Amino acid sequence: MKRRALNAAERREWLRFARAPNIGPVTFRQLLNRYKSIGSALEALPDLARRGGSKLNFVLPSLQQIDDEIARMEKCGGRFVALCEPDYPEALAAIEDAPPVIAVRGDAATLNRRCIGIVGARNASLNGRKMAEKLAKDLGEQGFVIVSGMARGIDTAAHQCSLATGTVAVLAGGVDVVYPEENAALYEKIIENGAVISDQPMGGEPRAQLFPKRNRLISGLSLGVVVVEAAKRSGSLITARMALEQGREVFAVPGSPLDPRANGTNDLLRQGAVLTEGAEDVLNHIHSLPPGGAAPVQPLFGFEEPPYEALDEREMDRAQARILESLSPSPVAVDELVRVTQLSSAVVLTVLLELELAGRVERQAGQRVALVG
């Protein structure tokens, strides 16, 4: 599918598909590849969920719900951008689980400039905030847009010092929901000097399970991610891991071993992150990367999927049982499932798609899946 601008009716259809229950980005792409149109994919969803073992009726969002969300977006001066559209950020489109639709307030063109992510501790030290401010200012003056999550501490410092040169805030809730509330003024300034984006429904409150999804967008938009202060098990380390999985560069600012906020960044350095004491350390690595980003930009829906393999219902039931027997709440690679079950890739992907629509499995980064609950 080639990039093209959607008309209002098509964008409404894309949004409805993206908001359907249990439709993740990878499943969205697989269904569109298989059925060739949003309309045909929408019609197929209830039966696929039934095949996956769903005990509930598969209910699509109503057209009224979608129209209400679009109206809410238009009221706040933003818009939805679909993955197939020319102004969808190319770097983000390259990742395996690029959101089918993003909500944007501000200047969408900012998203297609060369971006660097800066993330770190919410309870940042004074020196940590100063470091984030200097990095954001110096990198901004070199033409880079600074991407962060608008959280307290390092994120806030990075945004504030890149307002003059361009900054992007990625939210875990709806694009119209300011979190934390103390950043309301900053939120408005970011819209004026860059963009605020989200892949969540309008009005959605940020919840703990949504922050990792938010973090993958920060790294996905960026050529590289700089971590400034992060304790062990910090959300910033999740962003760094996702950056590595997406083929992005990871930079870390060293800190005192006596400060718990430096434990995570020092661990990143031990694991091979680029030691970062200033913008020059970032620039020296970034300038050697191709213009499109740290990872090659894939053509839209260019991740090759095996052709659909039609089996009779009894055979598919046996395949589903074999796959469920091999799954657990711990994630396993899809390739490993193919090897262990000795089923074809097409059958495994078909069964996983049905199980995901039924809410029985979830997809995770790196082509991994896990049982729900």
Protein backbone atom coordinates (compact mmCIF):
# COMPACT_ATOMS: atom_id res chain seq x y z
CA MET A 1 0.00 0.00 0.00
CA LYS A 2 1.40 3.36 -1.01
CA ARG A 3 1.32 6.45 1.14
CA ARG A 4 -1.61 8.70 0.37
CA ALA A 5 -3.83 11.20 2.12
CA LEU A 6 -7.14 9.80 3.34
CA ASN A 7 -10.45 11.55 2.89
CA ALA A 8 -12.64 12.16 5.95
CA ALA A 9 -14.69 8.98 5.47
CA GLU A 10 -11.57 6.80 5.09
CA ARG A 11 -9.92 8.30 8.17
CA ARG A 12 -13.09 7.64 10.13
CA GLU A 13 -12.93 3.98 9.02
CA TRP A 14 -9.24 3.69 9.99
CA LEU A 15 -9.98 5.15 13.43
CA ARG A 16 -12.86 2.75 13.99
CA PHE A 17 -10.65 -0.20 13.07
CA ALA A 18 -7.84 1.04 15.34
CA ARG A 19 -10.28 1.42 18.26
CA ALA A 20 -11.75 -2.09 17.89
CA PRO A 21 -11.25 -4.35 20.94
CA ASN A 22 -7.93 -6.23 21.13
CA ILE A 23 -6.63 -4.75 17.88
CA GLY A 24 -2.94 -4.08 18.37
CA PRO A 25 -0.74 -2.45 15.72
CA VAL A 26 0.69 -5.75 14.41
CA THR A 27 -2.74 -7.36 14.19
CA PHE A 28 -4.08 -4.26 12.45
CA ARG A 29 -1.40 -4.59 9.79
CA GLN A 30 -1.88 -8.35 9.38
CA LEU A 31 -5.63 -7.97 8.94
CA LEU A 32 -5.24 -5.16 6.42
CA ASN A 33 -2.65 -7.18 4.50
CA ARG A 34 -5.00 -10.16 4.43
CA TYR A 35 -8.32 -8.49 3.65
CA LYS A 36 -6.94 -5.59 1.56
CA SER A 37 -9.48 -3.09 2.84
CA ILE A 38 -10.58 -1.76 6.22
CA GLY A 39 -14.23 -2.54 5.46
CA SER A 40 -13.56 -6.21 4.72
CA ALA A 41 -11.34 -6.54 7.81
CA LEU A 42 -14.02 -5.01 10.04
CA GLU A 43 -16.60 -7.49 8.74
CA ALA A 44 -14.27 -10.41 9.51
CA LEU A 45 -13.48 -9.43 13.12
CA PRO A 46 -16.44 -11.03 14.97
CA ASP A 47 -15.91 -14.44 13.34
CA LEU A 48 -12.14 -14.34 13.93
CA ALA A 49 -12.70 -13.53 17.62
CA ARG A 50 -15.18 -16.43 17.86
CA ARG A 51 -12.60 -18.75 16.30
CA GLY A 52 -10.09 -17.59 18.90
CA GLY A 53 -12.39 -18.70 21.71
CA SER A 54 -13.98 -15.42 22.75
CA LYS A 55 -16.92 -16.02 25.06
CA LEU A 56 -18.22 -12.49 24.54
CA ASN A 57 -19.81 -10.90 21.52
CA PHE A 58 -17.22 -8.91 19.60
CA VAL A 59 -18.62 -5.37 19.61
CA LEU A 60 -17.08 -2.75 17.35
CA PRO A 61 -17.07 0.91 18.39
CA SER A 62 -20.22 2.56 17.07
CA LEU A 63 -19.98 5.13 14.31
CA GLN A 64 -21.40 7.63 16.79
CA GLN A 65 -18.52 6.95 19.21
CA ILE A 66 -15.99 7.52 16.42
CA ASP A 67 -17.75 10.69 15.27
CA ASP A 68 -17.77 11.99 18.85
CA GLU A 69 -14.01 11.37 19.14
CA ILE A 70 -13.35 13.14 15.84
CA ALA A 71 -15.50 16.08 16.93
CA ARG A 72 -13.61 16.29 20.21
CA MET A 73 -10.33 16.33 18.30
CA GLU A 74 -11.51 19.05 15.92
CA LYS A 75 -12.73 21.14 18.84
CA CYS A 76 -9.23 21.24 20.34
CA GLY A 77 -7.62 22.04 16.99
CA GLY A 78 -5.85 18.73 16.47
CA ARG A 79 -6.19 15.94 13.94
CA PHE A 80 -5.71 12.24 13.41
CA VAL A 81 -2.94 11.02 11.11
CA ALA A 82 -3.09 7.47 9.73
CA LEU A 83 -0.08 5.27 9.09
CA CYS A 84 -0.61 5.39 5.33
CA GLU A 85 -0.60 9.20 5.13
CA PRO A 86 2.38 11.25 3.88
CA ASP A 87 2.77 13.29 7.07
CA TYR A 88 2.87 10.26 9.38
CA PRO A 89 6.41 10.34 10.86
CA GLU A 90 8.69 8.11 8.77
CA ALA A 91 10.88 7.02 11.68
CA LEU A 92 7.82 5.86 13.63
CA ALA A 93 6.39 4.07 10.59
CA ALA A 94 9.58 1.96 10.49
CA ILE A 95 8.97 0.19 13.81
CA GLU A 96 7.29 -3.20 14.02
CA ASP A 97 4.34 -1.95 16.09
CA ALA A 98 3.78 1.52 14.65
CA PRO A 99 0.35 2.78 15.75
CA PRO A 100 -2.17 2.70 12.88
CA VAL A 101 -3.45 6.16 13.88
CA ILE A 102 -1.88 8.89 15.97
CA ALA A 103 -3.55 11.97 17.41
CA VAL A 104 -1.58 15.17 16.88
CA ARG A 105 -1.91 18.66 18.33
CA GLY A 106 0.50 21.26 17.01
CA ASP A 107 2.68 21.09 13.91
CA ALA A 108 2.77 17.55 12.47
CA ALA A 109 5.76 18.54 10.30
CA THR A 110 7.86 18.61 13.50
CA LEU A 111 7.50 14.82 13.69
CA ASN A 112 9.38 14.32 10.43
CA ARG A 113 12.43 16.32 11.48
CA ARG A 114 15.45 14.54 12.96
CA CYS A 115 14.56 13.78 16.58
CA ILE A 116 16.46 12.83 19.72
CA GLY A 117 14.70 11.45 22.79
CA ILE A 118 15.71 12.63 26.26
CA VAL A 119 14.23 10.75 29.22
CA GLY A 120 15.04 10.18 32.87
CA ALA A 121 14.00 10.28 36.50
CA ARG A 122 10.87 12.08 37.67
CA ASN A 123 12.57 12.87 40.99
CA ALA A 124 15.62 14.20 39.18
CA SER A 125 18.50 15.88 40.99
CA LEU A 126 19.39 19.50 40.32
CA ASN A 127 22.45 18.37 38.36
CA GLY A 128 20.36 15.89 36.40
CA ARG A 129 17.90 18.60 35.37
CA LYS A 130 20.75 20.93 34.43
CA MET A 131 22.27 18.19 32.27
CA ALA A 132 18.96 17.55 30.51
CA GLU A 133 18.50 21.28 29.93
CA LYS A 134 21.97 21.67 28.42
CA LEU A 135 21.62 18.61 26.20
CA ALA A 136 18.20 19.75 24.96
CA LYS A 137 19.40 23.29 24.26
CA ASP A 138 22.63 22.25 22.53
CA LEU A 139 21.02 19.51 20.44
CA GLY A 140 18.16 21.83 19.51
CA GLU A 141 20.61 24.45 18.28
CA GLN A 142 22.09 21.76 16.02
CA GLY A 143 18.69 21.29 14.38
CA PHE A 144 17.32 18.32 16.34
CA VAL A 145 13.80 18.11 17.74
CA ILE A 146 13.72 16.89 21.35
CA VAL A 147 11.20 14.15 22.14
CA SER A 148 10.13 13.26 25.67
CA GLY A 149 7.14 12.20 27.75
CA MET A 150 6.19 15.44 29.57
CA ALA A 151 6.68 13.78 32.96
CA ARG A 152 8.13 15.63 35.94
CA GLY A 153 11.89 15.98 36.29
CA ILE A 154 14.11 15.20 33.29
CA ASP A 155 11.27 15.20 30.73
CA THR A 156 10.04 18.62 31.81
CA ALA A 157 13.55 20.08 31.78
CA ALA A 158 14.19 18.72 28.26
CA HIS A 159 10.95 20.14 26.89
CA GLN A 160 11.39 23.55 28.48
CA CYS A 161 14.85 24.06 27.02
CA SER A 162 13.89 22.97 23.50
CA LEU A 163 10.78 25.08 23.04
CA ALA A 164 12.71 27.57 20.91
CA THR A 165 14.03 24.89 18.54
CA GLY A 166 11.22 22.31 18.49
CA THR A 167 9.99 19.65 20.88
CA VAL A 168 7.50 16.76 20.86
CA ALA A 169 5.63 15.44 23.90
CA VAL A 170 4.33 11.87 23.72
CA LEU A 171 1.45 11.22 26.13
CA ALA A 172 0.29 8.00 27.76
CA GLY A 173 -3.33 9.17 27.84
CA GLY A 174 -5.44 11.03 25.32
CA VAL A 175 -3.75 13.87 23.47
CA ASP A 176 -6.20 16.27 25.15
CA VAL A 177 -5.42 15.07 28.70
CA VAL A 178 -2.64 16.99 30.46
CA TYR A 179 -0.58 14.85 32.83
CA PRO A 180 0.80 15.85 35.24
CA GLU A 181 -1.60 18.77 35.69
CA GLU A 182 1.25 21.04 36.82
CA ASN A 183 2.55 20.94 33.24
CA ALA A 184 -0.58 22.54 31.76
CA ALA A 185 1.28 25.73 30.75
CA LEU A 186 4.16 23.69 29.31
CA TYR A 187 1.67 21.57 27.35
CA GLU A 188 0.27 24.68 25.63
CA LYS A 189 3.77 25.96 24.83
CA ILE A 190 4.73 22.62 23.29
CA ILE A 191 1.70 22.79 20.99
CA GLU A 192 2.84 26.26 19.90
CA ASN A 193 6.47 25.20 19.37
CA GLY A 194 6.21 21.62 18.22
CA ALA A 195 3.67 18.86 18.73
CA VAL A 196 1.89 16.73 21.30
CA ILE A 197 0.97 13.20 20.17
CA SER A 198 -0.69 10.05 21.48
CA ASP A 199 -2.05 6.77 20.13
CA GLN A 200 -4.73 6.60 22.85
CA PRO A 201 -8.41 7.62 22.51
CA MET A 202 -9.38 11.21 23.20
CA GLY A 203 -10.12 11.80 26.86
CA GLY A 204 -8.29 8.64 27.93
CA GLU A 205 -6.62 8.88 31.34
CA PRO A 206 -2.99 7.73 31.58
CA ARG A 207 -2.70 4.34 33.30
CA ALA A 208 0.36 2.40 34.41
CA GLN A 209 0.11 -0.17 31.59
CA LEU A 210 0.03 2.59 28.97
CA PHE A 211 3.41 4.10 29.82
CA PRO A 212 5.47 1.36 28.12
CA LYS A 213 3.35 1.89 24.99
CA ARG A 214 4.06 5.62 25.26
CA ASN A 215 7.78 4.88 25.67
CA ARG A 216 7.95 2.89 22.43
CA LEU A 217 6.70 5.98 20.58
CA ILE A 218 9.39 8.18 22.15
CA SER A 219 12.12 5.83 20.94
CA GLY A 220 10.35 5.12 17.65
CA LEU A 221 10.29 8.80 16.70
CA SER A 222 13.95 9.26 17.60
CA LEU A 223 17.31 8.52 16.02
CA GLY A 224 18.55 7.81 19.53
CA VAL A 225 17.52 8.13 23.17
CA VAL A 226 19.57 9.82 25.91
CA VAL A 227 18.91 8.59 29.45
CA VAL A 228 19.72 11.14 32.16
CA GLU A 229 19.32 9.61 35.63
CA ALA A 230 17.35 6.40 35.95
CA ALA A 231 17.02 4.04 38.88
CA LYS A 232 16.97 0.31 38.31
CA ARG A 233 13.58 -0.85 37.00
CA SER A 234 12.89 2.68 35.83
CA GLY A 235 10.51 3.39 32.97
CA SER A 236 13.39 5.16 31.26
CA LEU A 237 15.20 1.82 31.04
CA ILE A 238 12.15 0.40 29.27
CA THR A 239 12.50 3.22 26.74
CA ALA A 240 16.19 2.35 26.31
CA ARG A 241 15.37 -1.34 25.77
CA MET A 242 12.74 -0.47 23.20
CA ALA A 243 15.19 1.84 21.45
CA LEU A 244 17.63 -1.06 21.09
CA GLU A 245 14.89 -3.35 19.77
CA GLN A 246 13.99 -0.69 17.21
CA GLY A 247 17.60 -0.29 16.07
CA ARG A 248 18.06 3.13 17.68
CA GLU A 249 21.14 4.42 19.47
CA VAL A 250 21.15 4.50 23.29
CA PHE A 251 23.10 7.16 25.18
CA ALA A 252 23.55 7.34 28.96
CA VAL A 253 24.85 10.05 31.26
CA PRO A 254 27.10 8.57 33.97
CA GLY A 255 26.38 9.30 37.61
CA SER A 256 27.65 8.74 41.11
CA PRO A 257 27.47 5.13 42.34
CA LEU A 258 26.18 6.59 45.61
CA ASP A 259 23.05 8.00 43.91
CA PRO A 260 20.32 5.39 43.25
CA ARG A 261 19.15 7.57 40.36
CA ALA A 262 22.39 6.70 38.55
CA ASN A 263 22.19 2.92 38.97
CA GLY A 264 20.17 2.43 35.81
CA THR A 265 22.25 4.72 33.62
CA ASN A 266 25.50 3.20 34.87
CA ASP A 267 24.11 -0.25 34.05
CA LEU A 268 23.32 0.95 30.53
CA LEU A 269 26.93 2.05 30.14
CA ARG A 270 28.15 -1.37 31.26
CA GLN A 271 25.90 -2.89 28.61
CA GLY A 272 27.36 -0.75 25.82
CA ALA A 273 25.39 2.51 25.78
CA VAL A 274 27.28 5.55 24.51
CA LEU A 275 28.81 7.45 27.42
CA THR A 276 27.37 10.95 27.21
CA GLU A 277 28.81 14.02 28.88
CA GLY A 278 27.53 16.55 26.38
CA ALA A 279 25.80 17.07 23.04
CA GLU A 280 29.00 16.33 21.12
CA ASP A 281 28.92 12.70 22.28
CA VAL A 282 25.45 12.37 20.78
CA LEU A 283 26.28 14.26 17.59
CA ASN A 284 29.40 12.22 16.86
CA HIS A 285 27.28 9.05 16.67
CA ILE A 286 24.15 10.48 15.09
CA HIS A 287 25.92 12.22 12.20
CA SER A 288 27.14 8.85 10.93
CA LEU A 289 23.58 7.55 10.59
CA PRO A 290 21.53 7.58 7.36
CA PRO A 291 19.23 10.61 6.85
CA GLY A 292 16.03 8.61 7.38
CA GLY A 293 16.88 7.41 10.86
CA ALA A 294 18.84 4.95 12.90
CA ALA A 295 16.94 2.03 11.41
CA PRO A 296 16.05 1.64 7.72
CA VAL A 297 12.58 2.99 7.00
CA GLN A 298 10.36 0.12 5.89
CA PRO A 299 7.80 0.59 3.11
CA LEU A 300 4.29 0.85 4.50
CA PHE A 301 3.19 -2.58 5.70
CA GLY A 302 6.48 -3.81 4.29
CA PHE A 303 7.02 -6.42 6.99
CA GLU A 304 6.43 -9.55 4.96
CA GLU A 305 3.65 -11.80 6.22
CA PRO A 306 3.28 -15.41 5.03
CA PRO A 307 0.21 -15.93 2.85
CA TYR A 308 -2.99 -16.96 4.60
CA GLU A 309 -3.26 -20.73 4.82
CA ALA A 310 -6.81 -22.05 4.84
CA LEU A 311 -7.33 -25.22 6.88
CA ASP A 312 -10.59 -26.87 7.80
CA GLU A 313 -12.03 -26.07 11.21
CA ARG A 314 -10.91 -29.34 12.81
CA GLU A 315 -7.31 -28.81 11.71
CA MET A 316 -7.34 -25.24 12.99
CA ASP A 317 -8.73 -26.41 16.33
CA ARG A 318 -5.84 -28.87 16.65
CA ALA A 319 -3.34 -26.15 15.70
CA GLN A 320 -4.85 -23.79 18.29
CA ALA A 321 -4.60 -26.43 21.02
CA ARG A 322 -0.96 -27.11 20.16
CA ILE A 323 -0.12 -23.41 20.26
CA LEU A 324 -1.96 -22.76 23.53
CA GLU A 325 -0.11 -25.69 25.11
CA SER A 326 3.19 -23.99 24.19
CA LEU A 327 2.24 -20.55 25.51
CA SER A 328 2.43 -19.12 29.04
CA PRO A 329 2.30 -15.66 30.65
CA SER A 330 6.05 -15.41 29.89
CA PRO A 331 6.58 -14.09 26.35
CA VAL A 332 7.92 -16.41 23.66
CA ALA A 333 9.14 -15.56 20.15
CA VAL A 334 6.76 -16.37 17.29
CA ASP A 335 9.62 -18.09 15.44
CA GLU A 336 10.11 -20.34 18.47
CA LEU A 337 6.41 -21.24 18.42
CA VAL A 338 6.73 -22.23 14.76
CA ARG A 339 9.74 -24.43 15.58
CA VAL A 340 8.22 -26.09 18.67
CA THR A 341 4.74 -26.72 17.24
CA GLN A 342 6.06 -27.72 13.77
CA LEU A 343 3.22 -25.76 12.21
CA SER A 344 3.69 -23.41 9.27
CA SER A 345 4.29 -19.72 9.93
CA ALA A 346 1.01 -18.90 8.20
CA VAL A 347 -1.00 -21.19 10.49
CA VAL A 348 0.74 -19.94 13.65
CA LEU A 349 0.14 -16.30 12.70
CA THR A 350 -3.50 -17.02 11.86
CA VAL A 351 -4.13 -18.74 15.20
CA LEU A 352 -2.32 -15.99 17.14
CA LEU A 353 -4.39 -13.36 15.36
CA GLU A 354 -7.61 -15.13 16.38
CA LEU A 355 -6.41 -15.59 19.96
CA GLU A 356 -5.45 -11.94 20.23
CA LEU A 357 -8.86 -10.80 18.97
CA ALA A 358 -10.43 -13.09 21.59
CA GLY A 359 -8.33 -11.38 24.28
CA ARG A 360 -6.44 -14.57 25.13
CA VAL A 361 -2.93 -13.55 24.07
CA GLU A 362 -1.07 -10.27 23.83
CA ARG A 363 1.74 -9.28 21.51
CA GLN A 364 4.92 -7.78 22.86
CA ALA A 365 7.89 -6.11 21.25
CA GLY A 366 10.35 -8.22 19.32
CA GLN A 367 7.76 -10.53 17.71
CA ARG A 368 6.89 -12.15 21.04
CA VAL A 369 3.53 -13.27 22.42
CA ALA A 370 2.23 -14.25 25.85
CA LEU A 371 -0.95 -15.61 27.38
CA VAL A 372 -3.18 -13.04 29.06
CA GLY A 373 -3.78 -13.57 32.76
